[in-house]
Amino acid sequence: MRIEGSEVTTLITGVVVLFSALAASSNKENQAIEPYLTEQVDLKTKLEHFNCHVICEKLPKTSENKRLLRPAMMEALLEFLPETVWEFKELIPPFLREGTASSEGKYIEQVLEIIREYEIEV
């Protein structure tokens, strides 16, 4: 299969648009998490605020017992303090991870970033 000149231009334009959209999405996520990185409060409070003001506002229909930052998960996060997805998968018990609504899983990186930044502060 050969790609001709105008097809290459179209393909490159599509890739540029895709990467621009991803960068814009990433910037929005970074703006959403910024206040929780600089708050001068304990880690539990930071996570509770992030849960209430970001996750619950974006996903209000998630059942309380399926939330990423439900009490049992919060307790595990505060005990093990995972800073990477790998540590999260290794340290947090499977029943807690698997009991989380998949829609809330997209916030795990931001939660881990809050934990990482807190660890740097302490």
PDB file of N, CA and C in Angstrom:
ATOM      1  N   MET A   1       0.841  -1.175   0.000  1.00  0.00           N
ATOM      2  CA  MET A   1       0.000   0.000   0.000  1.00  0.00           C
ATOM      3  C   MET A   1       0.887   1.239   0.000  1.00  0.00           C
ATOM      4  N   ARG A   2       0.622   2.138  -0.928  1.00  0.00           N
ATOM      5  CA  ARG A   2       1.384   3.391  -1.017  1.00  0.00           C
ATOM      6  C   ARG A   2       0.483   4.551  -0.646  1.00  0.00           C
ATOM      7  N   ILE A   3       1.052   5.490   0.045  1.00  0.00           N
ATOM      8  CA  ILE A   3       0.318   6.700   0.403  1.00  0.00           C
ATOM      9  C   ILE A   3       0.884   7.823  -0.453  1.00  0.00           C
ATOM     10  N   GLU A   4      -0.001   8.497  -1.161  1.00  0.00           N
ATOM     11  CA  GLU A   4       0.411   9.575  -2.059  1.00  0.00           C
ATOM     12  C   GLU A   4       0.464  10.905  -1.311  1.00  0.00           C
ATOM     13  N   GLY A   5       0.977  11.954  -1.961  1.00  0.00           N
ATOM     14  CA  GLY A   5       1.204  13.275  -1.375  1.00  0.00           C
ATOM     15  C   GLY A   5       0.037  13.864  -0.601  1.00  0.00           C
ATOM     16  N   SER A   6      -1.143  13.952  -1.206  1.00  0.00           N
ATOM     17  CA  SER A   6      -2.281  14.573  -0.508  1.00  0.00           C
ATOM     18  C   SER A   6      -2.763  13.705   0.640  1.00  0.00           C
ATOM     19  N   GLU A   7      -2.623  12.390   0.502  1.00  0.00           N
ATOM     20  CA  GLU A   7      -3.002  11.488   1.587  1.00  0.00           C
ATOM     21  C   GLU A   7      -2.064  11.653   2.778  1.00  0.00           C
ATOM     22  N   VAL A   8      -0.786  11.860   2.509  1.00  0.00           N
ATOM     23  CA  VAL A   8       0.206  12.079   3.563  1.00  0.00           C
ATOM     24  C   VAL A   8      -0.130  13.367   4.314  1.00  0.00           C
ATOM     25  N   THR A   9      -0.448  14.411   3.552  1.00  0.00           N
ATOM     26  CA  THR A   9      -0.808  15.691   4.177  1.00  0.00           C
ATOM     27  C   THR A   9      -2.030  15.521   5.069  1.00  0.00           C
ATOM     28  N   THR A  10      -3.041  14.813   4.575  1.00  0.00           N
ATOM     29  CA  THR A  10      -4.255  14.572   5.359  1.00  0.00           C
ATOM     30  C   THR A  10      -3.936  13.776   6.613  1.00  0.00           C
ATOM     31  N   LEU A  11      -3.106  12.753   6.462  1.00  0.00           N
ATOM     32  CA  LEU A  11      -2.712  11.918   7.592  1.00  0.00           C
ATOM     33  C   LEU A  11      -1.956  12.735   8.637  1.00  0.00           C
ATOM     34  N   ILE A  12      -1.001  13.535   8.207  1.00  0.00           N
ATOM     35  CA  ILE A  12      -0.222  14.364   9.134  1.00  0.00           C
ATOM     36  C   ILE A  12      -1.119  15.374   9.827  1.00  0.00           C
ATOM     37  N   THR A  13      -2.037  15.978   9.091  1.00  0.00           N
ATOM     38  CA  THR A  13      -2.972  16.937   9.686  1.00  0.00           C
ATOM     39  C   THR A  13      -3.809  16.257  10.760  1.00  0.00           C
ATOM     40  N   GLY A  14      -4.274  15.053  10.477  1.00  0.00           N
ATOM     41  CA  GLY A  14      -5.063  14.300  11.457  1.00  0.00           C
ATOM     42  C   GLY A  14      -4.280  14.012  12.721  1.00  0.00           C
ATOM     43  N   VAL A  15      -3.024  13.639  12.564  1.00  0.00           N
ATOM     44  CA  VAL A  15      -2.166  13.348  13.718  1.00  0.00           C
ATOM     45  C   VAL A  15      -1.937  14.613  14.540  1.00  0.00           C
ATOM     46  N   VAL A  16      -1.685  15.725  13.870  1.00  0.00           N
ATOM     47  CA  VAL A  16      -1.476  16.995  14.575  1.00  0.00           C
ATOM     48  C   VAL A  16      -2.725  17.386  15.355  1.00  0.00           C
ATOM     49  N   VAL A  17      -3.899  17.240  14.747  1.00  0.00           N
ATOM     50  CA  VAL A  17      -5.162  17.558  15.432  1.00  0.00           C
ATOM     51  C   VAL A  17      -5.342  16.659  16.643  1.00  0.00           C
ATOM     52  N   LEU A  18      -5.048  15.361  16.492  1.00  0.00           N
ATOM     53  CA  LEU A  18      -5.172  14.423  17.598  1.00  0.00           C
ATOM     54  C   LEU A  18      -4.257  14.801  18.753  1.00  0.00           C
ATOM     55  N   PHE A  19      -2.989  15.084  18.459  1.00  0.00           N
ATOM     56  CA  PHE A  19      -2.054  15.462  19.520  1.00  0.00           C
ATOM     57  C   PHE A  19      -2.430  16.793  20.164  1.00  0.00           C
ATOM     58  N   SER A  20      -2.954  17.712  19.403  1.00  0.00           N
ATOM     59  CA  SER A  20      -3.406  18.997  19.961  1.00  0.00           C
ATOM     60  C   SER A  20      -4.561  18.773  20.926  1.00  0.00           C
ATOM     61  N   ALA A  21      -5.488  17.891  20.555  1.00  0.00           N
ATOM     62  CA  ALA A  21      -6.628  17.585  21.426  1.00  0.00           C
ATOM     63  C   ALA A  21      -6.155  16.913  22.704  1.00  0.00           C
ATOM     64  N   LEU A  22      -5.197  15.990  22.589  1.00  0.00           N
ATOM     65  CA  LEU A  22      -4.659  15.326  23.780  1.00  0.00           C
ATOM     66  C   LEU A  22      -3.956  16.317  24.697  1.00  0.00           C
ATOM     67  N   ALA A  23      -3.197  17.241  24.126  1.00  0.00           N
ATOM     68  CA  ALA A  23      -2.499  18.245  24.927  1.00  0.00           C
ATOM     69  C   ALA A  23      -3.490  19.158  25.633  1.00  0.00           C
ATOM     70  N   ALA A  24      -4.554  19.551  24.952  1.00  0.00           N
ATOM     71  CA  ALA A  24      -5.575  20.404  25.567  1.00  0.00           C
ATOM     72  C   ALA A  24      -6.265  19.674  26.704  1.00  0.00           C
ATOM     73  N   SER A  25      -6.554  18.396  26.509  1.00  0.00           N
ATOM     74  CA  SER A  25      -7.184  17.587  27.551  1.00  0.00           C
ATOM     75  C   SER A  25      -6.270  17.472  28.761  1.00  0.00           C
ATOM     76  N   SER A  26      -4.991  17.250  28.518  1.00  0.00           N
ATOM     77  CA  SER A  26      -4.013  17.143  29.597  1.00  0.00           C
ATOM     78  C   SER A  26      -3.906  18.460  30.367  1.00  0.00           C
ATOM     79  N   ASN A  27      -3.925  19.586  29.658  1.00  0.00           N
ATOM     80  CA  ASN A  27      -3.867  20.888  30.317  1.00  0.00           C
ATOM     81  C   ASN A  27      -5.070  21.112  31.212  1.00  0.00           C
ATOM     82  N   LYS A  28      -6.254  20.702  30.764  1.00  0.00           N
ATOM     83  CA  LYS A  28      -7.463  20.848  31.589  1.00  0.00           C
ATOM     84  C   LYS A  28      -7.345  20.019  32.860  1.00  0.00           C
ATOM     85  N   GLU A  29      -6.835  18.785  32.724  1.00  0.00           N
ATOM     86  CA  GLU A  29      -6.665  17.930  33.895  1.00  0.00           C
ATOM     87  C   GLU A  29      -5.655  18.533  34.861  1.00  0.00           C
ATOM     88  N   ASN A  30      -4.567  19.084  34.335  1.00  0.00           N
ATOM     89  CA  ASN A  30      -3.563  19.704  35.194  1.00  0.00           C
ATOM     90  C   ASN A  30      -4.137  20.911  35.920  1.00  0.00           C
ATOM     91  N   GLN A  31      -4.976  21.703  35.248  1.00  0.00           N
ATOM     92  CA  GLN A  31      -5.602  22.858  35.889  1.00  0.00           C
ATOM     93  C   GLN A  31      -6.551  22.400  36.989  1.00  0.00           C
ATOM     94  N   ALA A  32      -7.239  21.288  36.782  1.00  0.00           N
ATOM     95  CA  ALA A  32      -8.188  20.785  37.776  1.00  0.00           C
ATOM     96  C   ALA A  32      -7.481  20.320  39.042  1.00  0.00           C
ATOM     97  N   ILE A  33      -6.289  19.777  38.897  1.00  0.00           N
ATOM     98  CA  ILE A  33      -5.578  19.219  40.051  1.00  0.00           C
ATOM     99  C   ILE A  33      -4.717  20.258  40.774  1.00  0.00           C
ATOM    100  N   GLU A  34      -4.340  21.326  40.124  1.00  0.00           N
ATOM    101  CA  GLU A  34      -3.403  22.316  40.669  1.00  0.00           C
ATOM    102  C   GLU A  34      -3.736  22.780  42.093  1.00  0.00           C
ATOM    103  N   PRO A  35      -4.971  23.180  42.393  1.00  0.00           N
ATOM    104  CA  PRO A  35      -5.253  23.657  43.759  1.00  0.00           C
ATOM    105  C   PRO A  35      -4.998  22.604  44.840  1.00  0.00           C
ATOM    106  N   TYR A  36      -5.141  21.331  44.493  1.00  0.00           N
ATOM    107  CA  TYR A  36      -4.977  20.266  45.467  1.00  0.00           C
ATOM    108  C   TYR A  36      -3.506  19.929  45.699  1.00  0.00           C
ATOM    109  N   LEU A  37      -2.653  20.387  44.809  1.00  0.00           N
ATOM    110  CA  LEU A  37      -1.220  20.176  44.983  1.00  0.00           C
ATOM    111  C   LEU A  37      -0.617  21.222  45.904  1.00  0.00           C
ATOM    112  N   THR A  38      -1.189  22.418  45.909  1.00  0.00           N
ATOM    113  CA  THR A  38      -0.613  23.531  46.666  1.00  0.00           C
ATOM    114  C   THR A  38      -1.321  23.813  47.983  1.00  0.00           C
ATOM    115  N   GLU A  39      -2.452  23.159  48.234  1.00  0.00           N
ATOM    116  CA  GLU A  39      -3.164  23.353  49.499  1.00  0.00           C
ATOM    117  C   GLU A  39      -2.260  23.003  50.674  1.00  0.00           C
ATOM    118  N   GLN A  40      -2.290  23.794  51.712  1.00  0.00           N
ATOM    119  CA  GLN A  40      -1.474  23.541  52.893  1.00  0.00           C
ATOM    120  C   GLN A  40      -2.299  22.818  53.958  1.00  0.00           C
ATOM    121  N   VAL A  41      -2.731  21.606  53.637  1.00  0.00           N
ATOM    122  CA  VAL A  41      -3.516  20.780  54.554  1.00  0.00           C
ATOM    123  C   VAL A  41      -2.985  19.352  54.486  1.00  0.00           C
ATOM    124  N   ASP A  42      -3.499  18.488  55.357  1.00  0.00           N
ATOM    125  CA  ASP A  42      -3.024  17.106  55.360  1.00  0.00           C
ATOM    126  C   ASP A  42      -3.518  16.362  54.114  1.00  0.00           C
ATOM    127  N   LEU A  43      -2.908  15.225  53.840  1.00  0.00           N
ATOM    128  CA  LEU A  43      -3.196  14.467  52.630  1.00  0.00           C
ATOM    129  C   LEU A  43      -4.646  14.008  52.576  1.00  0.00           C
ATOM    130  N   LYS A  44      -5.185  13.553  53.677  1.00  0.00           N
ATOM    131  CA  LYS A  44      -6.578  13.087  53.685  1.00  0.00           C
ATOM    132  C   LYS A  44      -7.513  14.211  53.251  1.00  0.00           C
ATOM    133  N   THR A  45      -7.284  15.408  53.754  1.00  0.00           N
ATOM    134  CA  THR A  45      -8.125  16.552  53.393  1.00  0.00           C
ATOM    135  C   THR A  45      -7.973  16.886  51.915  1.00  0.00           C
ATOM    136  N   LYS A  46      -6.748  16.843  51.398  1.00  0.00           N
ATOM    137  CA  LYS A  46      -6.536  17.104  49.974  1.00  0.00           C
ATOM    138  C   LYS A  46      -7.324  16.119  49.117  1.00  0.00           C
ATOM    139  N   LEU A  47      -7.243  14.834  49.473  1.00  0.00           N
ATOM    140  CA  LEU A  47      -7.949  13.817  48.709  1.00  0.00           C
ATOM    141  C   LEU A  47      -9.466  13.967  48.834  1.00  0.00           C
ATOM    142  N   GLU A  48      -9.936  14.289  50.020  1.00  0.00           N
ATOM    143  CA  GLU A  48     -11.376  14.512  50.208  1.00  0.00           C
ATOM    144  C   GLU A  48     -11.863  15.694  49.375  1.00  0.00           C
ATOM    145  N   HIS A  49     -11.091  16.774  49.370  1.00  0.00           N
ATOM    146  CA  HIS A  49     -11.458  17.949  48.569  1.00  0.00           C
ATOM    147  C   HIS A  49     -11.469  17.605  47.084  1.00  0.00           C
ATOM    148  N   PHE A  50     -10.454  16.883  46.625  1.00  0.00           N
ATOM    149  CA  PHE A  50     -10.389  16.488  45.220  1.00  0.00           C
ATOM    150  C   PHE A  50     -11.594  15.616  44.871  1.00  0.00           C
ATOM    151  N   ASN A  51     -11.939  14.707  45.746  1.00  0.00           N
ATOM    152  CA  ASN A  51     -13.090  13.840  45.517  1.00  0.00           C
ATOM    153  C   ASN A  51     -14.375  14.658  45.399  1.00  0.00           C
ATOM    154  N   CYS A  52     -14.600  15.552  46.357  1.00  0.00           N
ATOM    155  CA  CYS A  52     -15.842  16.343  46.385  1.00  0.00           C
ATOM    156  C   CYS A  52     -15.929  17.356  45.253  1.00  0.00           C
ATOM    157  N   HIS A  53     -14.842  18.035  44.976  1.00  0.00           N
ATOM    158  CA  HIS A  53     -14.883  19.163  44.041  1.00  0.00           C
ATOM    159  C   HIS A  53     -14.524  18.819  42.601  1.00  0.00           C
ATOM    160  N   VAL A  54     -13.979  17.640  42.384  1.00  0.00           N
ATOM    161  CA  VAL A  54     -13.639  17.254  41.011  1.00  0.00           C
ATOM    162  C   VAL A  54     -14.382  15.971  40.630  1.00  0.00           C
ATOM    163  N   ILE A  55     -14.054  14.872  41.286  1.00  0.00           N
ATOM    164  CA  ILE A  55     -14.615  13.580  40.869  1.00  0.00           C
ATOM    165  C   ILE A  55     -16.139  13.556  41.019  1.00  0.00           C
ATOM    166  N   CYS A  56     -16.644  13.911  42.192  1.00  0.00           N
ATOM    167  CA  CYS A  56     -18.100  13.853  42.419  1.00  0.00           C
ATOM    168  C   CYS A  56     -18.863  14.836  41.533  1.00  0.00           C
ATOM    169  N   GLU A  57     -18.248  15.962  41.227  1.00  0.00           N
ATOM    170  CA  GLU A  57     -18.914  16.918  40.339  1.00  0.00           C
ATOM    171  C   GLU A  57     -18.969  16.396  38.911  1.00  0.00           C
ATOM    172  N   LYS A  58     -17.922  15.715  38.469  1.00  0.00           N
ATOM    173  CA  LYS A  58     -17.890  15.179  37.099  1.00  0.00           C
ATOM    174  C   LYS A  58     -18.707  13.895  36.974  1.00  0.00           C
ATOM    175  N   LEU A  59     -18.750  13.101  38.059  1.00  0.00           N
ATOM    176  CA  LEU A  59     -19.436  11.808  38.026  1.00  0.00           C
ATOM    177  C   LEU A  59     -20.412  11.692  39.198  1.00  0.00           C
ATOM    178  N   PRO A  60     -21.454  12.510  39.209  1.00  0.00           N
ATOM    179  CA  PRO A  60     -22.366  12.533  40.353  1.00  0.00           C
ATOM    180  C   PRO A  60     -23.204  11.269  40.540  1.00  0.00           C
ATOM    181  N   LYS A  61     -23.330  10.464  39.505  1.00  0.00           N
ATOM    182  CA  LYS A  61     -24.202   9.285  39.590  1.00  0.00           C
ATOM    183  C   LYS A  61     -23.483   8.030  40.071  1.00  0.00           C
ATOM    184  N   THR A  62     -22.173   8.123  40.294  1.00  0.00           N
ATOM    185  CA  THR A  62     -21.435   6.952  40.778  1.00  0.00           C
ATOM    186  C   THR A  62     -21.894   6.607  42.187  1.00  0.00           C
ATOM    187  N   SER A  63     -22.156   5.337  42.405  1.00  0.00           N
ATOM    188  CA  SER A  63     -22.557   4.861  43.724  1.00  0.00           C
ATOM    189  C   SER A  63     -21.432   5.120  44.731  1.00  0.00           C
ATOM    190  N   GLU A  64     -21.788   5.523  45.931  1.00  0.00           N
ATOM    191  CA  GLU A  64     -20.779   5.837  46.961  1.00  0.00           C
ATOM    192  C   GLU A  64     -19.836   4.670  47.232  1.00  0.00           C
ATOM    193  N   ASN A  65     -20.352   3.447  47.181  1.00  0.00           N
ATOM    194  CA  ASN A  65     -19.497   2.289  47.478  1.00  0.00           C
ATOM    195  C   ASN A  65     -18.639   1.865  46.285  1.00  0.00           C
ATOM    196  N   LYS A  66     -18.735   2.585  45.169  1.00  0.00           N
ATOM    197  CA  LYS A  66     -17.924   2.314  43.984  1.00  0.00           C
ATOM    198  C   LYS A  66     -16.955   3.453  43.670  1.00  0.00           C
ATOM    199  N   ARG A  67     -16.968   4.488  44.489  1.00  0.00           N
ATOM    200  CA  ARG A  67     -16.122   5.660  44.244  1.00  0.00           C
ATOM    201  C   ARG A  67     -14.647   5.311  44.431  1.00  0.00           C
ATOM    202  N   LEU A  68     -13.813   5.975  43.662  1.00  0.00           N
ATOM    203  CA  LEU A  68     -12.370   5.790  43.789  1.00  0.00           C
ATOM    204  C   LEU A  68     -11.911   6.166  45.197  1.00  0.00           C
ATOM    205  N   LEU A  69     -12.400   7.286  45.702  1.00  0.00           N
ATOM    206  CA  LEU A  69     -11.962   7.755  47.024  1.00  0.00           C
ATOM    207  C   LEU A  69     -13.022   7.499  48.100  1.00  0.00           C
ATOM    208  N   ARG A  70     -13.584   6.299  48.081  1.00  0.00           N
ATOM    209  CA  ARG A  70     -14.501   5.882  49.149  1.00  0.00           C
ATOM    210  C   ARG A  70     -13.679   5.603  50.411  1.00  0.00           C
ATOM    211  N   PRO A  71     -14.302   5.511  51.567  1.00  0.00           N
ATOM    212  CA  PRO A  71     -13.534   5.371  52.824  1.00  0.00           C
ATOM    213  C   PRO A  71     -12.522   4.223  52.845  1.00  0.00           C
ATOM    214  N   ALA A  72     -12.891   3.039  52.367  1.00  0.00           N
ATOM    215  CA  ALA A  72     -11.967   1.904  52.413  1.00  0.00           C
ATOM    216  C   ALA A  72     -10.740   2.145  51.520  1.00  0.00           C
ATOM    217  N   MET A  73     -10.975   2.709  50.333  1.00  0.00           N
ATOM    218  CA  MET A  73      -9.853   2.998  49.432  1.00  0.00           C
ATOM    219  C   MET A  73      -8.986   4.117  50.009  1.00  0.00           C
ATOM    220  N   MET A  74      -9.639   5.122  50.581  1.00  0.00           N
ATOM    221  CA  MET A  74      -8.907   6.237  51.181  1.00  0.00           C
ATOM    222  C   MET A  74      -7.981   5.720  52.289  1.00  0.00           C
ATOM    223  N   GLU A  75      -8.488   4.819  53.099  1.00  0.00           N
ATOM    224  CA  GLU A  75      -7.687   4.242  54.180  1.00  0.00           C
ATOM    225  C   GLU A  75      -6.457   3.522  53.628  1.00  0.00           C
ATOM    226  N   ALA A  76      -6.655   2.753  52.556  1.00  0.00           N
ATOM    227  CA  ALA A  76      -5.528   2.036  51.938  1.00  0.00           C
ATOM    228  C   ALA A  76      -4.533   3.006  51.310  1.00  0.00           C
ATOM    229  N   LEU A  77      -5.025   4.029  50.626  1.00  0.00           N
ATOM    230  CA  LEU A  77      -4.128   5.011  50.013  1.00  0.00           C
ATOM    231  C   LEU A  77      -3.299   5.728  51.068  1.00  0.00           C
ATOM    232  N   LEU A  78      -3.915   6.072  52.183  1.00  0.00           N
ATOM    233  CA  LEU A  78      -3.204   6.777  53.246  1.00  0.00           C
ATOM    234  C   LEU A  78      -2.209   5.867  53.972  1.00  0.00           C
ATOM    235  N   GLU A  79      -2.504   4.579  54.002  1.00  0.00           N
ATOM    236  CA  GLU A  79      -1.587   3.641  54.644  1.00  0.00           C
ATOM    237  C   GLU A  79      -0.381   3.328  53.757  1.00  0.00           C
ATOM    238  N   PHE A  80      -0.627   3.035  52.483  1.00  0.00           N
ATOM    239  CA  PHE A  80       0.437   2.579  51.590  1.00  0.00           C
ATOM    240  C   PHE A  80       1.098   3.695  50.783  1.00  0.00           C
ATOM    241  N   LEU A  81       0.417   4.821  50.603  1.00  0.00           N
ATOM    242  CA  LEU A  81       0.934   5.980  49.873  1.00  0.00           C
ATOM    243  C   LEU A  81       1.561   5.631  48.511  1.00  0.00           C
ATOM    244  N   PRO A  82       0.805   4.958  47.639  1.00  0.00           N
ATOM    245  CA  PRO A  82       1.353   4.648  46.315  1.00  0.00           C
ATOM    246  C   PRO A  82       1.572   5.928  45.514  1.00  0.00           C
ATOM    247  N   GLU A  83       2.680   5.996  44.804  1.00  0.00           N
ATOM    248  CA  GLU A  83       2.993   7.190  44.016  1.00  0.00           C
ATOM    249  C   GLU A  83       2.947   6.928  42.516  1.00  0.00           C
ATOM    250  N   THR A  84       2.876   5.668  42.125  1.00  0.00           N
ATOM    251  CA  THR A  84       2.802   5.314  40.705  1.00  0.00           C
ATOM    252  C   THR A  84       1.675   4.305  40.514  1.00  0.00           C
ATOM    253  N   VAL A  85       1.255   4.122  39.269  1.00  0.00           N
ATOM    254  CA  VAL A  85       0.214   3.139  38.972  1.00  0.00           C
ATOM    255  C   VAL A  85       0.714   1.745  39.346  1.00  0.00           C
ATOM    256  N   TRP A  86       1.991   1.485  39.086  1.00  0.00           N
ATOM    257  CA  TRP A  86       2.552   0.184  39.440  1.00  0.00           C
ATOM    258  C   TRP A  86       2.437  -0.052  40.950  1.00  0.00           C
ATOM    259  N   GLU A  87       2.816   0.939  41.763  1.00  0.00           N
ATOM    260  CA  GLU A  87       2.712   0.811  43.222  1.00  0.00           C
ATOM    261  C   GLU A  87       1.251   0.654  43.641  1.00  0.00           C
ATOM    262  N   PHE A  88       0.371   1.387  42.986  1.00  0.00           N
ATOM    263  CA  PHE A  88      -1.061   1.269  43.273  1.00  0.00           C
ATOM    264  C   PHE A  88      -1.517  -0.176  43.058  1.00  0.00           C
ATOM    265  N   LYS A  89      -1.126  -0.770  41.930  1.00  0.00           N
ATOM    266  CA  LYS A  89      -1.528  -2.144  41.626  1.00  0.00           C
ATOM    267  C   LYS A  89      -0.877  -3.153  42.564  1.00  0.00           C
ATOM    268  N   GLU A  90       0.343  -2.874  43.000  1.00  0.00           N
ATOM    269  CA  GLU A  90       1.061  -3.796  43.885  1.00  0.00           C
ATOM    270  C   GLU A  90       0.624  -3.679  45.346  1.00  0.00           C
ATOM    271  N   LEU A  91       0.320  -2.465  45.805  1.00  0.00           N
ATOM    272  CA  LEU A  91       0.078  -2.233  47.227  1.00  0.00           C
ATOM    273  C   LEU A  91      -1.400  -2.235  47.630  1.00  0.00           C
ATOM    274  N   ILE A  92      -2.254  -1.798  46.752  1.00  0.00           N
ATOM    275  CA  ILE A  92      -3.683  -1.706  47.079  1.00  0.00           C
ATOM    276  C   ILE A  92      -4.336  -3.057  46.788  1.00  0.00           C
ATOM    277  N   PRO A  93      -5.051  -3.615  47.764  1.00  0.00           N
ATOM    278  CA  PRO A  93      -5.664  -4.937  47.575  1.00  0.00           C
ATOM    279  C   PRO A  93      -6.595  -4.981  46.352  1.00  0.00           C
ATOM    280  N   PRO A  94      -6.568  -6.126  45.647  1.00  0.00           N
ATOM    281  CA  PRO A  94      -7.383  -6.263  44.437  1.00  0.00           C
ATOM    282  C   PRO A  94      -8.870  -5.988  44.664  1.00  0.00           C
ATOM    283  N   PHE A  95      -9.423  -6.421  45.790  1.00  0.00           N
ATOM    284  CA  PHE A  95     -10.853  -6.216  46.001  1.00  0.00           C
ATOM    285  C   PHE A  95     -11.215  -4.735  46.050  1.00  0.00           C
ATOM    286  N   LEU A  96     -10.281  -3.892  46.495  1.00  0.00           N
ATOM    287  CA  LEU A  96     -10.541  -2.451  46.492  1.00  0.00           C
ATOM    288  C   LEU A  96     -10.432  -1.889  45.079  1.00  0.00           C
ATOM    289  N   ARG A  97      -9.392  -2.299  44.364  1.00  0.00           N
ATOM    290  CA  ARG A  97      -9.212  -1.808  42.992  1.00  0.00           C
ATOM    291  C   ARG A  97     -10.372  -2.239  42.110  1.00  0.00           C
ATOM    292  N   GLU A  98     -10.735  -3.512  42.201  1.00  0.00           N
ATOM    293  CA  GLU A  98     -11.788  -4.049  41.343  1.00  0.00           C
ATOM    294  C   GLU A  98     -13.174  -3.537  41.726  1.00  0.00           C
ATOM    295  N   GLY A  99     -13.326  -3.053  42.954  1.00  0.00           N
ATOM    296  CA  GLY A  99     -14.610  -2.536  43.403  1.00  0.00           C
ATOM    297  C   GLY A  99     -14.849  -1.080  43.022  1.00  0.00           C
ATOM    298  N   THR A 100     -13.887  -0.487  42.309  1.00  0.00           N
ATOM    299  CA  THR A 100     -13.996   0.909  41.905  1.00  0.00           C
ATOM    300  C   THR A 100     -14.673   1.002  40.541  1.00  0.00           C
ATOM    301  N   ALA A 101     -15.595   1.928  40.411  1.00  0.00           N
ATOM    302  CA  ALA A 101     -16.269   2.149  39.129  1.00  0.00           C
ATOM    303  C   ALA A 101     -15.228   2.492  38.073  1.00  0.00           C
ATOM    304  N   SER A 102     -15.327   1.863  36.920  1.00  0.00           N
ATOM    305  CA  SER A 102     -14.342   2.093  35.858  1.00  0.00           C
ATOM    306  C   SER A 102     -14.320   3.554  35.422  1.00  0.00           C
ATOM    307  N   SER A 103     -15.449   4.232  35.491  1.00  0.00           N
ATOM    308  CA  SER A 103     -15.497   5.645  35.090  1.00  0.00           C
ATOM    309  C   SER A 103     -14.627   6.513  35.993  1.00  0.00           C
ATOM    310  N   GLU A 104     -14.427   6.102  37.230  1.00  0.00           N
ATOM    311  CA  GLU A 104     -13.603   6.872  38.159  1.00  0.00           C
ATOM    312  C   GLU A 104     -12.118   6.546  38.024  1.00  0.00           C
ATOM    313  N   GLY A 105     -11.808   5.461  37.338  1.00  0.00           N
ATOM    314  CA  GLY A 105     -10.424   5.054  37.152  1.00  0.00           C
ATOM    315  C   GLY A 105      -9.577   6.094  36.436  1.00  0.00           C
ATOM    316  N   LYS A 106     -10.221   6.946  35.647  1.00  0.00           N
ATOM    317  CA  LYS A 106      -9.451   7.949  34.914  1.00  0.00           C
ATOM    318  C   LYS A 106      -8.832   8.992  35.841  1.00  0.00           C
ATOM    319  N   TYR A 107      -9.241   9.021  37.097  1.00  0.00           N
ATOM    320  CA  TYR A 107      -8.701   9.987  38.054  1.00  0.00           C
ATOM    321  C   TYR A 107      -7.542   9.441  38.889  1.00  0.00           C
ATOM    322  N   ILE A 108      -7.166   8.180  38.677  1.00  0.00           N
ATOM    323  CA  ILE A 108      -6.121   7.599  39.514  1.00  0.00           C
ATOM    324  C   ILE A 108      -4.792   8.328  39.365  1.00  0.00           C
ATOM    325  N   GLU A 109      -4.426   8.725  38.157  1.00  0.00           N
ATOM    326  CA  GLU A 109      -3.152   9.443  37.968  1.00  0.00           C
ATOM    327  C   GLU A 109      -3.140  10.754  38.754  1.00  0.00           C
ATOM    328  N   GLN A 110      -4.256  11.459  38.767  1.00  0.00           N
ATOM    329  CA  GLN A 110      -4.322  12.721  39.499  1.00  0.00           C
ATOM    330  C   GLN A 110      -4.250  12.480  41.003  1.00  0.00           C
ATOM    331  N   VAL A 111      -4.894  11.425  41.479  1.00  0.00           N
ATOM    332  CA  VAL A 111      -4.828  11.073  42.900  1.00  0.00           C
ATOM    333  C   VAL A 111      -3.387  10.728  43.280  1.00  0.00           C
ATOM    334  N   LEU A 112      -2.725   9.956  42.429  1.00  0.00           N
ATOM    335  CA  LEU A 112      -1.332   9.590  42.704  1.00  0.00           C
ATOM    336  C   LEU A 112      -0.419  10.807  42.664  1.00  0.00           C
ATOM    337  N   GLU A 113      -0.727  11.764  41.794  1.00  0.00           N
ATOM    338  CA  GLU A 113       0.069  12.993  41.749  1.00  0.00           C
ATOM    339  C   GLU A 113      -0.104  13.797  43.040  1.00  0.00           C
ATOM    340  N   ILE A 114      -1.314  13.834  43.572  1.00  0.00           N
ATOM    341  CA  ILE A 114      -1.546  14.520  44.851  1.00  0.00           C
ATOM    342  C   ILE A 114      -0.715  13.847  45.943  1.00  0.00           C
ATOM    343  N   ILE A 115      -0.695  12.516  45.938  1.00  0.00           N
ATOM    344  CA  ILE A 115       0.093  11.778  46.934  1.00  0.00           C
ATOM    345  C   ILE A 115       1.583  12.063  46.753  1.00  0.00           C
ATOM    346  N   ARG A 116       2.063  12.033  45.502  1.00  0.00           N
ATOM    347  CA  ARG A 116       3.493  12.307  45.243  1.00  0.00           C
ATOM    348  C   ARG A 116       3.883  13.693  45.739  1.00  0.00           C
ATOM    349  N   GLU A 117       3.077  14.681  45.404  1.00  0.00           N
ATOM    350  CA  GLU A 117       3.384  16.057  45.812  1.00  0.00           C
ATOM    351  C   GLU A 117       3.349  16.200  47.328  1.00  0.00           C
ATOM    352  N   TYR A 118       2.430  15.507  47.965  1.00  0.00           N
ATOM    353  CA  TYR A 118       2.354  15.553  49.425  1.00  0.00           C
ATOM    354  C   TYR A 118       3.625  14.957  50.041  1.00  0.00           C
ATOM    355  N   GLU A 119       4.087  13.850  49.478  1.00  0.00           N
ATOM    356  CA  GLU A 119       5.284  13.207  49.983  1.00  0.00           C
ATOM    357  C   GLU A 119       6.505  14.102  49.840  1.00  0.00           C
ATOM    358  N   ILE A 120       6.544  14.898  48.783  1.00  0.00           N
ATOM    359  CA  ILE A 120       7.651  15.842  48.581  1.00  0.00           C
ATOM    360  C   ILE A 120       7.606  16.937  49.643  1.00  0.00           C
ATOM    361  N   GLU A 121       6.395  17.389  49.971  1.00  0.00           N
ATOM    362  CA  GLU A 121       6.220  18.467  50.975  1.00  0.00           C
ATOM    363  C   GLU A 121       6.675  18.023  52.354  1.00  0.00           C
ATOM    364  N   VAL A 122       6.406  16.763  52.687  1.00  0.00           N
ATOM    365  CA  VAL A 122       6.648  16.269  54.054  1.00  0.00           C
ATOM    366  C   VAL A 122       8.077  15.964  54.317  1.00  0.00           C
TER     367      VAL A 122
END
